Amino acid sequence: MRAFQFELNDRASQLLKHMIESYIREGEPVSSHKLARETRLGSSATIRNVMADLEEKGLVTSPHTSAGRVPTALGYRFFVDTLVTAQAPHDNEKQEAREALMPDKAQDELLQGATNVLSHLTHCASLVMLPRAERQILRHLEFIPLEGQRILVILVLNDTEVQNRIIRLEEPVSPSELQEIANFLNREFAGFDLHNAQTKLIRGLEADRKQINRVTMLAVNVAKHAFGAPKTNAEFLIRGERNLISIAQESGVQKLQQLFQAFTQKQMMLSLLEKMVDAESLQVYIGEEAGLEALQASSIITAPYALSGQVVGVLGVIGPTRMPYDRVLPLVEMTAKLLSVALNLEDQSPH
């Protein structure tokens, strides 16, 4: 959740919430007269002043052809972070998702089933990042100092794989410090995927630099070199692209064409999904927040799924910024949890 540079009083918050919900539901700019009639939070003149203040804060804007207002990307962000009231999935939606994600199915069937059911339930395009082809689980590591600030790293991965890597550090590290770093990494990260271990270590450092000693700082530096970039042959599935036609209706055909082009340029989408895997929680990117021009008229919502306790991919939806977040957020989260359960039960079943 981002920090906002402003606060809204209760009336402004309620009016913004009602305005965005009305716009999502009906697709028409919302006038002060309509808000006065439906909310009883003041006269049209009073509400007009409130809306002018919201516009000044960048939360709403007035289309040239209408006296009504529509939410901006910042308005949607404020709504999602502070105002949205999540609607629990209906019983029939839960049942449909459970049937699509029965644990007696093979992994590829489960992944396809997850995208199909999520697209159907949300009326958005759905996508799933396939599990990383090779998870490198750290079992043990050792360091052997060489000349010239070089170190031989011996990594025992998964069950039997051994990798040797030579790394060069920016500053000298004594043999005793090197042993202390090895002990620390083995104690804290044995059993972790290399990529997740590196991410957790770096986040811990960023969270409280003042409380971290030299050895931990060195451990971060060594881990960056020793663990390296994760091996991945990741791909993604996408379903329900026809549900994105509304983007062309609202933002123009060019925006839709850019989005479909991004789907064909797989590396662009995979880089975005990799970033969402690292977040390890439900994520919402609205418009330009995703960092891709092709998504400026869209929102993307993802949730991670796990295998053997490790996050291996994300499942989510792409739709217009004018999507019913109150329904879609819980549906994405529910489907990702059911997928995790099914994959782990399938992984334990005899073959």
Foldseek 3Di string as FASTA:
>chain_A
DDDAPDDDDPLLLVLLLVQLVVCLVPVDFAALCNSCVPPVSDHSVVSVVSVVVCVVSQQWDDDPVDNGIYGDLVVLVCCLVPNFAADADDPVLLVQLCVQQPLVDDLVSNQVSLQVSLCVQFLFKKKKKDFFPDFWAFAAWAWDDDPDQKIWIWTQTDPGDIDIDIDHAPDDDDPVLRVVLRVVCNVPGHGHGLVLSLLVLVVVCVVCVPPDDPSSVVSNRVSCGVSDDDRGPMFMDIDNLVSAVVLCVPPNPVLSVLLVVCNVVGVNVVVLFVVVLSVQAWDKQAACSSVGVSCNQKMKIWHFADEPPHTGIIIIGIYGSSGSCSHSSNSRVSSRDSNNVSRRSSVPDDD
